[in-house]
């Protein structure tokens, strides 16, 4: 079990989880290992049927920014916990009326944050938990130092933490990817995903690639592809940014079972540069869950 889990869970919750795991082990007649791999190997994808049972115990509350602001006054110090790796570090809020502008508290905190991002600063969003006054709040951060900073911490600037309903300084709009990460941190992303139409599923797929988020990616795929996640994970490591070059030509009335969606995408890969190409996504509606999933393998050409 992740070290972070032991830090933030109560004893009763831990015991309940361990009892559930023991029962599962006895019923299945085989040992169960949870997160036996290093965080860098997992890259956010669950290899264990119990990872998300454990994870549900430490999802955060999805509080609106208006409420969070009063909980995070100027220069307050709090803990940031990365949902996928379980790594945590301390920060101080330095500014921010539309969202929280924060800095790692010490050089050690900066080192941990950089480790979360694979030792390379990035604008990619990550689902996090903000732990303040023993309350876990669902949030999203990026990992790119920018602007000013005022602490001797080895971090050249500050970074942003977004919550439900927070907006960016520049556009004054909610950032769609931060919004998805907040849903993920609150445990509500799967429910939100189930209500998506096929065009929104493709957008979620593109977001998952751009954010290198296997958990989000596997939500968009039909079962045959989820069984290939190990191979897809390796391909994602080579991916750069992907964007739609043109908007969808949406049908007014969706078909009952399946849909083909041609999409012109522009991709950037480190070893190939920019490329614009047309892809056809075939999506099917699951007869049991009624949710749309990507069935075609054409998307693999993106990777």
C-alpha atoms as a PDB file:
ATOM      1  CA  UNK A   1       0.000   0.000   0.000  1.00  0.00           C
ATOM      2  CA  UNK A   2       1.230   3.491  -0.726  1.00  0.00           C
ATOM      3  CA  UNK A   3       3.001   5.378   2.038  1.00  0.00           C
ATOM      4  CA  UNK A   4       0.735   8.331   1.392  1.00  0.00           C
ATOM      5  CA  UNK A   5      -2.305   6.184   2.158  1.00  0.00           C
ATOM      6  CA  UNK A   6      -1.023   5.434   5.652  1.00  0.00           C
ATOM      7  CA  UNK A   7      -0.392   9.117   6.261  1.00  0.00           C
ATOM      8  CA  UNK A   8      -3.868  10.344   5.414  1.00  0.00           C
ATOM      9  CA  UNK A   9      -6.122   7.421   6.373  1.00  0.00           C
ATOM     10  CA  UNK A  10      -7.533   6.793   9.805  1.00  0.00           C
ATOM     11  CA  UNK A  11      -6.843   3.457  11.525  1.00  0.00           C
ATOM     12  CA  UNK A  12     -10.453   2.287  11.097  1.00  0.00           C
ATOM     13  CA  UNK A  13     -10.339   2.956   7.351  1.00  0.00           C
ATOM     14  CA  UNK A  14      -7.055   1.083   7.002  1.00  0.00           C
ATOM     15  CA  UNK A  15      -8.462  -1.909   8.867  1.00  0.00           C
ATOM     16  CA  UNK A  16     -11.579  -1.966   6.671  1.00  0.00           C
ATOM     17  CA  UNK A  17      -9.437  -1.995   3.526  1.00  0.00           C
ATOM     18  CA  UNK A  18      -7.180  -4.763   4.823  1.00  0.00           C
ATOM     19  CA  UNK A  19     -10.211  -6.887   5.777  1.00  0.00           C
ATOM     20  CA  UNK A  20     -11.637  -6.407   2.257  1.00  0.00           C
ATOM     21  CA  UNK A  21      -8.312  -7.414   0.721  1.00  0.00           C
ATOM     22  CA  UNK A  22      -8.091 -10.505   2.942  1.00  0.00           C
ATOM     23  CA  UNK A  23     -11.608 -11.601   1.957  1.00  0.00           C
ATOM     24  CA  UNK A  24     -10.809 -11.093  -1.737  1.00  0.00           C
ATOM     25  CA  UNK A  25      -7.588 -13.106  -1.381  1.00  0.00           C
ATOM     26  CA  UNK A  26      -9.378 -16.002   0.301  1.00  0.00           C
ATOM     27  CA  UNK A  27     -12.153 -16.034  -2.308  1.00  0.00           C
ATOM     28  CA  UNK A  28      -9.774 -15.903  -5.272  1.00  0.00           C
ATOM     29  CA  UNK A  29      -7.359 -18.414  -3.764  1.00  0.00           C
ATOM     30  CA  UNK A  30      -4.284 -16.418  -4.758  1.00  0.00           C
ATOM     31  CA  UNK A  31      -2.163 -13.671  -3.229  1.00  0.00           C
ATOM     32  CA  UNK A  32      -2.891 -10.037  -4.038  1.00  0.00           C
ATOM     33  CA  UNK A  33      -0.246  -7.347  -4.429  1.00  0.00           C
ATOM     34  CA  UNK A  34      -1.148  -3.669  -4.431  1.00  0.00           C
ATOM     35  CA  UNK A  35       1.248  -1.232  -6.053  1.00  0.00           C
ATOM     36  CA  UNK A  36       4.234  -3.527  -5.778  1.00  0.00           C
ATOM     37  CA  UNK A  37       5.885  -1.557  -8.596  1.00  0.00           C
ATOM     38  CA  UNK A  38       7.661   1.743  -8.341  1.00  0.00           C
ATOM     39  CA  UNK A  39       5.527   4.843  -9.090  1.00  0.00           C
ATOM     40  CA  UNK A  40       7.606   5.554 -12.203  1.00  0.00           C
ATOM     41  CA  UNK A  41       6.652   2.138 -13.609  1.00  0.00           C
ATOM     42  CA  UNK A  42       2.956   2.564 -12.869  1.00  0.00           C
ATOM     43  CA  UNK A  43       2.634   6.029 -14.457  1.00  0.00           C
ATOM     44  CA  UNK A  44      -0.876   6.281 -13.027  1.00  0.00           C
ATOM     45  CA  UNK A  45      -2.302   3.052 -14.490  1.00  0.00           C
ATOM     46  CA  UNK A  46      -3.848   0.475 -12.203  1.00  0.00           C
ATOM     47  CA  UNK A  47      -2.358  -3.005 -12.513  1.00  0.00           C
ATOM     48  CA  UNK A  48      -4.221  -4.182  -9.428  1.00  0.00           C
ATOM     49  CA  UNK A  49      -7.971  -4.773  -9.078  1.00  0.00           C
ATOM     50  CA  UNK A  50      -7.790  -3.239  -5.641  1.00  0.00           C
ATOM     51  CA  UNK A  51      -5.825  -0.067  -6.395  1.00  0.00           C
ATOM     52  CA  UNK A  52      -8.992   1.941  -6.890  1.00  0.00           C
ATOM     53  CA  UNK A  53     -10.696   0.409  -3.853  1.00  0.00           C
ATOM     54  CA  UNK A  54      -7.781   1.781  -1.877  1.00  0.00           C
ATOM     55  CA  UNK A  55      -7.805   5.010  -3.871  1.00  0.00           C
ATOM     56  CA  UNK A  56     -11.484   5.640  -3.109  1.00  0.00           C
ATOM     57  CA  UNK A  57     -10.575   5.981   0.553  1.00  0.00           C
ATOM     58  CA  UNK A  58      -8.562   9.121  -0.103  1.00  0.00           C
ATOM     59  CA  UNK A  59     -10.375  10.989  -2.832  1.00  0.00           C
ATOM     60  CA  UNK A  60     -10.837  14.648  -1.968  1.00  0.00           C
ATOM     61  CA  UNK A  61     -13.925  16.780  -1.488  1.00  0.00           C
ATOM     62  CA  UNK A  62     -14.866  18.741  -4.602  1.00  0.00           C
ATOM     63  CA  UNK A  63     -15.255  22.143  -2.979  1.00  0.00           C
ATOM     64  CA  UNK A  64     -15.972  25.244  -5.090  1.00  0.00           C
ATOM     65  CA  UNK A  65     -13.225  27.854  -5.277  1.00  0.00           C
ATOM     66  CA  UNK A  66     -15.397  30.355  -3.407  1.00  0.00           C
ATOM     67  CA  UNK A  67     -15.279  28.064  -0.362  1.00  0.00           C
ATOM     68  CA  UNK A  68     -11.642  27.060  -0.801  1.00  0.00           C
ATOM     69  CA  UNK A  69     -10.435  30.683  -0.800  1.00  0.00           C
ATOM     70  CA  UNK A  70     -11.390  31.118   2.858  1.00  0.00           C
ATOM     71  CA  UNK A  71      -9.575  27.881   3.741  1.00  0.00           C
ATOM     72  CA  UNK A  72      -6.369  29.001   2.014  1.00  0.00           C
ATOM     73  CA  UNK A  73      -5.547  32.536   3.169  1.00  0.00           C
ATOM     74  CA  UNK A  74      -2.434  34.409   2.047  1.00  0.00           C
ATOM     75  CA  UNK A  75       0.843  32.666   3.007  1.00  0.00           C
ATOM     76  CA  UNK A  76      -0.887  29.614   4.453  1.00  0.00           C
ATOM     77  CA  UNK A  77       1.184  26.416   4.295  1.00  0.00           C
ATOM     78  CA  UNK A  78      -0.366  23.115   3.280  1.00  0.00           C
ATOM     79  CA  UNK A  79       0.371  19.676   1.869  1.00  0.00           C
ATOM     80  CA  UNK A  80      -0.022  18.671  -1.793  1.00  0.00           C
ATOM     81  CA  UNK A  81      -0.483  14.949  -2.519  1.00  0.00           C
ATOM     82  CA  UNK A  82      -0.142  13.621  -6.067  1.00  0.00           C
ATOM     83  CA  UNK A  83      -3.007  11.183  -6.633  1.00  0.00           C
ATOM     84  CA  UNK A  84      -1.189   8.844  -9.026  1.00  0.00           C
ATOM     85  CA  UNK A  85       2.207   8.459  -7.346  1.00  0.00           C
ATOM     86  CA  UNK A  86       1.250   9.084  -3.718  1.00  0.00           C
ATOM     87  CA  UNK A  87       4.204  11.470  -3.368  1.00  0.00           C
ATOM     88  CA  UNK A  88       3.563  14.571  -1.258  1.00  0.00           C
ATOM     89  CA  UNK A  89       5.247  17.903  -0.604  1.00  0.00           C
ATOM     90  CA  UNK A  90       4.588  21.139   1.256  1.00  0.00           C
ATOM     91  CA  UNK A  91       3.739  24.484  -0.338  1.00  0.00           C
ATOM     92  CA  UNK A  92       2.882  28.039   0.643  1.00  0.00           C
ATOM     93  CA  UNK A  93       0.199  30.100  -1.034  1.00  0.00           C
ATOM     94  CA  UNK A  94       1.738  33.355  -2.233  1.00  0.00           C
ATOM     95  CA  UNK A  95      -1.073  34.948  -4.262  1.00  0.00           C
ATOM     96  CA  UNK A  96      -4.114  34.230  -6.406  1.00  0.00           C
ATOM     97  CA  UNK A  97      -7.700  35.480  -6.490  1.00  0.00           C
ATOM     98  CA  UNK A  98      -8.927  33.262  -9.339  1.00  0.00           C
ATOM     99  CA  UNK A  99      -6.952  30.175  -8.223  1.00  0.00           C
ATOM    100  CA  UNK A 100      -4.032  29.496  -5.871  1.00  0.00           C
ATOM    101  CA  UNK A 101      -0.526  30.629  -6.859  1.00  0.00           C
ATOM    102  CA  UNK A 102       1.829  28.608  -4.685  1.00  0.00           C
ATOM    103  CA  UNK A 103       5.493  27.723  -4.194  1.00  0.00           C
ATOM    104  CA  UNK A 104       7.176  24.622  -2.778  1.00  0.00           C
ATOM    105  CA  UNK A 105       8.171  25.381   0.784  1.00  0.00           C
ATOM    106  CA  UNK A 106      11.768  24.092   0.763  1.00  0.00           C
ATOM    107  CA  UNK A 107      14.363  22.735  -1.644  1.00  0.00           C
ATOM    108  CA  UNK A 108      13.371  19.234  -0.603  1.00  0.00           C
ATOM    109  CA  UNK A 109       9.745  19.989  -1.519  1.00  0.00           C
ATOM    110  CA  UNK A 110      10.894  21.292  -4.905  1.00  0.00           C
ATOM    111  CA  UNK A 111      12.858  18.079  -5.455  1.00  0.00           C
ATOM    112  CA  UNK A 112       9.803  15.925  -4.668  1.00  0.00           C
ATOM    113  CA  UNK A 113       7.587  17.960  -6.979  1.00  0.00           C
ATOM    114  CA  UNK A 114      10.108  17.625  -9.796  1.00  0.00           C
ATOM    115  CA  UNK A 115      10.273  13.872  -9.189  1.00  0.00           C
ATOM    116  CA  UNK A 116       6.488  13.700  -9.631  1.00  0.00           C
ATOM    117  CA  UNK A 117       6.980  15.249 -13.077  1.00  0.00           C
ATOM    118  CA  UNK A 118       9.699  12.798 -14.095  1.00  0.00           C
ATOM    119  CA  UNK A 119      12.465  15.288 -13.218  1.00  0.00           C
ATOM    120  CA  UNK A 120      11.378  17.697 -15.953  1.00  0.00           C
ATOM    121  CA  UNK A 121       9.128  20.732 -15.410  1.00  0.00           C
ATOM    122  CA  UNK A 122       5.939  20.560 -17.441  1.00  0.00           C
ATOM    123  CA  UNK A 123       2.651  22.345 -18.083  1.00  0.00           C
ATOM    124  CA  UNK A 124       0.857  19.008 -17.869  1.00  0.00           C
ATOM    125  CA  UNK A 125      -1.950  18.873 -15.348  1.00  0.00           C
ATOM    126  CA  UNK A 126      -2.082  16.324 -12.545  1.00  0.00           C
ATOM    127  CA  UNK A 127      -4.842  15.367 -10.130  1.00  0.00           C
ATOM    128  CA  UNK A 128      -3.867  16.226  -6.562  1.00  0.00           C
ATOM    129  CA  UNK A 129      -5.251  16.418  -3.060  1.00  0.00           C
ATOM    130  CA  UNK A 130      -4.794  19.558  -0.981  1.00  0.00           C
ATOM    131  CA  UNK A 131      -4.484  18.636   2.680  1.00  0.00           C
ATOM    132  CA  UNK A 132      -5.227  21.594   4.935  1.00  0.00           C
ATOM    133  CA  UNK A 133      -6.485  21.434   8.527  1.00  0.00           C
ATOM    134  CA  UNK A 134      -6.990  17.663   8.126  1.00  0.00           C
ATOM    135  CA  UNK A 135      -9.342  18.213   5.183  1.00  0.00           C
ATOM    136  CA  UNK A 136      -8.703  16.675   1.782  1.00  0.00           C
ATOM    137  CA  UNK A 137      -9.752  18.882  -1.156  1.00  0.00           C
ATOM    138  CA  UNK A 138      -9.771  17.734  -4.797  1.00  0.00           C
ATOM    139  CA  UNK A 139      -7.561  19.921  -6.980  1.00  0.00           C
ATOM    140  CA  UNK A 140      -5.310  20.059 -10.050  1.00  0.00           C
ATOM    141  CA  UNK A 141      -1.815  21.429 -10.562  1.00  0.00           C
ATOM    142  CA  UNK A 142       0.610  21.981 -13.406  1.00  0.00           C
ATOM    143  CA  UNK A 143       4.354  21.643 -13.012  1.00  0.00           C
ATOM    144  CA  UNK A 144       5.865  24.680 -14.700  1.00  0.00           C
ATOM    145  CA  UNK A 145       7.618  27.425 -12.709  1.00  0.00           C
ATOM    146  CA  UNK A 146       6.609  30.865 -13.966  1.00  0.00           C
ATOM    147  CA  UNK A 147       6.252  34.422 -12.700  1.00  0.00           C
ATOM    148  CA  UNK A 148       7.739  35.616  -9.456  1.00  0.00           C
ATOM    149  CA  UNK A 149       8.758  33.747  -6.344  1.00  0.00           C
ATOM    150  CA  UNK A 150       9.830  34.770  -2.875  1.00  0.00           C
ATOM    151  CA  UNK A 151      11.144  31.652  -1.143  1.00  0.00           C
ATOM    152  CA  UNK A 152      14.651  30.199  -1.017  1.00  0.00           C
ATOM    153  CA  UNK A 153      13.544  26.841  -2.369  1.00  0.00           C
ATOM    154  CA  UNK A 154      15.311  26.300  -5.698  1.00  0.00           C
ATOM    155  CA  UNK A 155      12.019  26.830  -7.552  1.00  0.00           C
ATOM    156  CA  UNK A 156      12.243  29.677 -10.098  1.00  0.00           C
ATOM    157  CA  UNK A 157       8.793  31.211  -9.679  1.00  0.00           C
ATOM    158  CA  UNK A 158       5.432  29.783  -8.645  1.00  0.00           C
ATOM    159  CA  UNK A 159       2.925  27.267 -10.019  1.00  0.00           C
ATOM    160  CA  UNK A 160      -0.869  27.142 -10.084  1.00  0.00           C
ATOM    161  CA  UNK A 161      -3.381  24.978  -8.244  1.00  0.00           C
ATOM    162  CA  UNK A 162      -6.963  24.935  -9.514  1.00  0.00           C
ATOM    163  CA  UNK A 163     -10.142  23.834  -7.787  1.00  0.00           C
ATOM    164  CA  UNK A 164     -13.748  23.338  -8.876  1.00  0.00           C
ATOM    165  CA  UNK A 165     -14.925  26.577 -10.443  1.00  0.00           C
ATOM    166  CA  UNK A 166     -11.586  28.378 -10.405  1.00  0.00           C
ATOM    167  CA  UNK A 167     -10.486  30.253 -13.528  1.00  0.00           C
ATOM    168  CA  UNK A 168      -7.249  31.321 -15.200  1.00  0.00           C
ATOM    169  CA  UNK A 169      -5.816  34.824 -14.757  1.00  0.00           C
ATOM    170  CA  UNK A 170      -5.478  35.453 -18.482  1.00  0.00           C
ATOM    171  CA  UNK A 171      -8.672  34.088 -20.055  1.00  0.00           C
ATOM    172  CA  UNK A 172     -10.953  34.427 -17.007  1.00  0.00           C
ATOM    173  CA  UNK A 173     -12.377  31.035 -17.998  1.00  0.00           C
ATOM    174  CA  UNK A 174     -12.260  27.614 -16.405  1.00  0.00           C
ATOM    175  CA  UNK A 175      -9.449  25.448 -17.785  1.00  0.00           C
ATOM    176  CA  UNK A 176     -11.059  22.249 -19.213  1.00  0.00           C
ATOM    177  CA  UNK A 177      -8.114  20.000 -18.372  1.00  0.00           C
ATOM    178  CA  UNK A 178      -7.813  21.300 -14.816  1.00  0.00           C
ATOM    179  CA  UNK A 179     -11.555  20.650 -14.493  1.00  0.00           C
ATOM    180  CA  UNK A 180     -11.113  17.004 -15.527  1.00  0.00           C
ATOM    181  CA  UNK A 181      -8.245  16.549 -13.085  1.00  0.00           C
ATOM    182  CA  UNK A 182     -10.336  17.980 -10.248  1.00  0.00           C
ATOM    183  CA  UNK A 183     -13.041  15.442 -11.127  1.00  0.00           C
ATOM    184  CA  UNK A 184     -10.414  12.700 -11.078  1.00  0.00           C
ATOM    185  CA  UNK A 185      -9.119  13.832  -7.678  1.00  0.00           C
ATOM    186  CA  UNK A 186     -12.670  13.811  -6.295  1.00  0.00           C
ATOM    187  CA  UNK A 187     -13.463  10.333  -7.617  1.00  0.00           C
ATOM    188  CA  UNK A 188     -16.191  11.693  -9.903  1.00  0.00           C
ATOM    189  CA  UNK A 189     -14.443  11.394 -13.266  1.00  0.00           C
ATOM    190  CA  UNK A 190     -15.842   7.941 -14.101  1.00  0.00           C
ATOM    191  CA  UNK A 191     -19.396   9.106 -13.438  1.00  0.00           C
ATOM    192  CA  UNK A 192     -18.811  12.231 -15.513  1.00  0.00           C
ATOM    193  CA  UNK A 193     -17.283  10.175 -18.321  1.00  0.00           C
ATOM    194  CA  UNK A 194     -20.293   7.835 -18.487  1.00  0.00           C
ATOM    195  CA  UNK A 195     -22.525  10.731 -19.544  1.00  0.00           C
ATOM    196  CA  UNK A 196     -20.239  11.840 -22.400  1.00  0.00           C
ATOM    197  CA  UNK A 197     -21.326  11.699 -26.030  1.00  0.00           C
ATOM    198  CA  UNK A 198     -18.934  10.178 -28.633  1.00  0.00           C
ATOM    199  CA  UNK A 199     -17.422  13.545 -29.572  1.00  0.00           C
ATOM    200  CA  UNK A 200     -16.631  14.278 -25.929  1.00  0.00           C
ATOM    201  CA  UNK A 201     -15.035  10.824 -25.625  1.00  0.00           C
ATOM    202  CA  UNK A 202     -12.633  11.676 -28.458  1.00  0.00           C
ATOM    203  CA  UNK A 203     -11.820  14.984 -26.749  1.00  0.00           C
ATOM    204  CA  UNK A 204     -11.141  13.062 -23.521  1.00  0.00           C
ATOM    205  CA  UNK A 205      -8.897  10.679 -25.455  1.00  0.00           C
ATOM    206  CA  UNK A 206      -6.882  13.617 -26.835  1.00  0.00           C
ATOM    207  CA  UNK A 207      -6.627  15.159 -23.368  1.00  0.00           C
ATOM    208  CA  UNK A 208      -5.393  11.863 -21.926  1.00  0.00           C
ATOM    209  CA  UNK A 209      -2.610  11.705 -24.533  1.00  0.00           C
ATOM    210  CA  UNK A 210      -1.580  15.323 -23.971  1.00  0.00           C
ATOM    211  CA  UNK A 211      -1.500  14.852 -20.200  1.00  0.00           C
ATOM    212  CA  UNK A 212       0.151  11.399 -20.355  1.00  0.00           C
ATOM    213  CA  UNK A 213      -2.669  10.060 -18.190  1.00  0.00           C
ATOM    214  CA  UNK A 214      -3.232   6.300 -18.683  1.00  0.00           C
ATOM    215  CA  UNK A 215      -6.123   6.195 -16.190  1.00  0.00           C
ATOM    216  CA  UNK A 216      -7.996   8.767 -18.235  1.00  0.00           C
ATOM    217  CA  UNK A 217      -6.984   7.092 -21.502  1.00  0.00           C
ATOM    218  CA  UNK A 218      -8.291   3.662 -20.551  1.00  0.00           C
ATOM    219  CA  UNK A 219     -11.647   5.246 -19.685  1.00  0.00           C
ATOM    220  CA  UNK A 220     -12.158   6.049 -23.364  1.00  0.00           C
ATOM    221  CA  UNK A 221     -11.259   2.649 -24.826  1.00  0.00           C
ATOM    222  CA  UNK A 222     -13.245  -0.530 -25.332  1.00  0.00           C
ATOM    223  CA  UNK A 223     -12.141  -3.632 -23.456  1.00  0.00           C
ATOM    224  CA  UNK A 224      -9.855  -5.120 -26.154  1.00  0.00           C
ATOM    225  CA  UNK A 225      -7.701  -1.989 -25.979  1.00  0.00           C
ATOM    226  CA  UNK A 226      -7.677  -1.742 -22.178  1.00  0.00           C
ATOM    227  CA  UNK A 227      -6.073  -5.193 -22.185  1.00  0.00           C
ATOM    228  CA  UNK A 228      -3.226  -3.692 -24.249  1.00  0.00           C
ATOM    229  CA  UNK A 229      -2.534  -0.863 -21.828  1.00  0.00           C
ATOM    230  CA  UNK A 230       1.056  -1.934 -21.137  1.00  0.00           C
ATOM    231  CA  UNK A 231       1.920  -1.521 -24.838  1.00  0.00           C
ATOM    232  CA  UNK A 232      -0.053   1.712 -25.115  1.00  0.00           C
ATOM    233  CA  UNK A 233       1.798   3.090 -22.079  1.00  0.00           C
ATOM    234  CA  UNK A 234       5.129   2.661 -23.850  1.00  0.00           C
ATOM    235  CA  UNK A 235       3.805   4.441 -26.934  1.00  0.00           C
ATOM    236  CA  UNK A 236       2.523   7.336 -24.830  1.00  0.00           C
ATOM    237  CA  UNK A 237       6.058   8.017 -23.618  1.00  0.00           C
ATOM    238  CA  UNK A 238       6.954   9.131 -27.166  1.00  0.00           C
ATOM    239  CA  UNK A 239       3.948  11.369 -27.626  1.00  0.00           C
ATOM    240  CA  UNK A 240       4.014  15.126 -27.756  1.00  0.00           C
ATOM    241  CA  UNK A 241       0.952  17.350 -28.117  1.00  0.00           C
ATOM    242  CA  UNK A 242      -2.120  16.444 -30.167  1.00  0.00           C
ATOM    243  CA  UNK A 243      -4.843  18.876 -31.216  1.00  0.00           C
ATOM    244  CA  UNK A 244      -7.872  18.931 -33.499  1.00  0.00           C
ATOM    245  CA  UNK A 245      -7.134  20.892 -36.656  1.00  0.00           C
ATOM    246  CA  UNK A 246     -10.828  21.207 -37.484  1.00  0.00           C
ATOM    247  CA  UNK A 247     -14.002  20.924 -35.437  1.00  0.00           C
ATOM    248  CA  UNK A 248     -16.210  17.855 -35.457  1.00  0.00           C
ATOM    249  CA  UNK A 249     -19.004  17.593 -38.005  1.00  0.00           C
ATOM    250  CA  UNK A 250     -21.571  16.471 -35.466  1.00  0.00           C
ATOM    251  CA  UNK A 251     -24.711  14.518 -36.238  1.00  0.00           C
ATOM    252  CA  UNK A 252     -27.918  15.995 -34.869  1.00  0.00           C
ATOM    253  CA  UNK A 253     -29.149  12.538 -33.925  1.00  0.00           C
ATOM    254  CA  UNK A 254     -26.706   9.874 -32.735  1.00  0.00           C
ATOM    255  CA  UNK A 255     -27.007   6.274 -33.959  1.00  0.00           C
ATOM    256  CA  UNK A 256     -27.992   3.572 -31.510  1.00  0.00           C
ATOM    257  CA  UNK A 257     -25.000   1.221 -31.757  1.00  0.00           C
ATOM    258  CA  UNK A 258     -21.951   2.614 -33.577  1.00  0.00           C
ATOM    259  CA  UNK A 259     -20.530   5.787 -35.088  1.00  0.00           C
ATOM    260  CA  UNK A 260     -17.606   6.683 -37.355  1.00  0.00           C
ATOM    261  CA  UNK A 261     -16.046  10.075 -36.663  1.00  0.00           C
ATOM    262  CA  UNK A 262     -13.413  11.409 -39.094  1.00  0.00           C
ATOM    263  CA  UNK A 263     -11.042  13.798 -37.352  1.00  0.00           C
ATOM    264  CA  UNK A 264      -8.141  15.821 -38.717  1.00  0.00           C
ATOM    265  CA  UNK A 265      -5.484  15.954 -36.031  1.00  0.00           C
ATOM    266  CA  UNK A 266      -2.203  17.764 -35.754  1.00  0.00           C
ATOM    267  CA  UNK A 267       0.373  15.941 -33.680  1.00  0.00           C
ATOM    268  CA  UNK A 268       3.892  16.680 -32.564  1.00  0.00           C
ATOM    269  CA  UNK A 269       6.366  13.936 -31.755  1.00  0.00           C
ATOM    270  CA  UNK A 270       9.852  14.572 -30.469  1.00  0.00           C
ATOM    271  CA  UNK A 271      11.561  12.547 -33.184  1.00  0.00           C
ATOM    272  CA  UNK A 272       9.277  13.483 -36.112  1.00  0.00           C
ATOM    273  CA  UNK A 273       8.144  17.066 -35.560  1.00  0.00           C
ATOM    274  CA  UNK A 274       4.667  18.296 -36.582  1.00  0.00           C
ATOM    275  CA  UNK A 275       2.335  16.177 -38.644  1.00  0.00           C
ATOM    276  CA  UNK A 276      -1.245  16.707 -39.802  1.00  0.00           C
ATOM    277  CA  UNK A 277      -3.284  13.644 -40.642  1.00  0.00           C
ATOM    278  CA  UNK A 278      -6.883  12.416 -40.860  1.00  0.00           C
ATOM    279  CA  UNK A 279      -8.015   9.629 -38.570  1.00  0.00           C
ATOM    280  CA  UNK A 280     -11.279   7.737 -38.309  1.00  0.00           C
ATOM    281  CA  UNK A 281     -12.491   6.932 -34.826  1.00  0.00           C
ATOM    282  CA  UNK A 282     -15.031   4.121 -34.629  1.00  0.00           C
ATOM    283  CA  UNK A 283     -17.037   4.286 -31.420  1.00  0.00           C
ATOM    284  CA  UNK A 284     -19.579   1.797 -30.136  1.00  0.00           C
ATOM    285  CA  UNK A 285     -22.218   2.089 -27.444  1.00  0.00           C
ATOM    286  CA  UNK A 286     -21.910  -0.567 -24.724  1.00  0.00           C
ATOM    287  CA  UNK A 287     -25.202  -2.457 -24.511  1.00  0.00           C
ATOM    288  CA  UNK A 288     -24.944  -2.849 -20.724  1.00  0.00           C
ATOM    289  CA  UNK A 289     -23.579   0.498 -19.536  1.00  0.00           C
ATOM    290  CA  UNK A 290     -24.943   2.530 -22.496  1.00  0.00           C
ATOM    291  CA  UNK A 291     -21.685   4.469 -22.633  1.00  0.00           C
ATOM    292  CA  UNK A 292     -19.660   5.238 -25.765  1.00  0.00           C
ATOM    293  CA  UNK A 293     -16.199   3.664 -26.204  1.00  0.00           C
ATOM    294  CA  UNK A 294     -13.469   3.868 -28.849  1.00  0.00           C
ATOM    295  CA  UNK A 295     -13.279   0.572 -30.739  1.00  0.00           C
ATOM    296  CA  UNK A 296     -11.120   1.279 -33.811  1.00  0.00           C
ATOM    297  CA  UNK A 297      -7.351   0.824 -33.807  1.00  0.00           C
ATOM    298  CA  UNK A 298      -6.698   3.805 -36.079  1.00  0.00           C
ATOM    299  CA  UNK A 299      -5.815   5.886 -33.014  1.00  0.00           C
ATOM    300  CA  UNK A 300      -2.771   3.675 -32.430  1.00  0.00           C
ATOM    301  CA  UNK A 301      -1.197   5.352 -35.463  1.00  0.00           C
ATOM    302  CA  UNK A 302      -1.047   8.513 -33.343  1.00  0.00           C
ATOM    303  CA  UNK A 303       1.402   6.811 -31.052  1.00  0.00           C
END
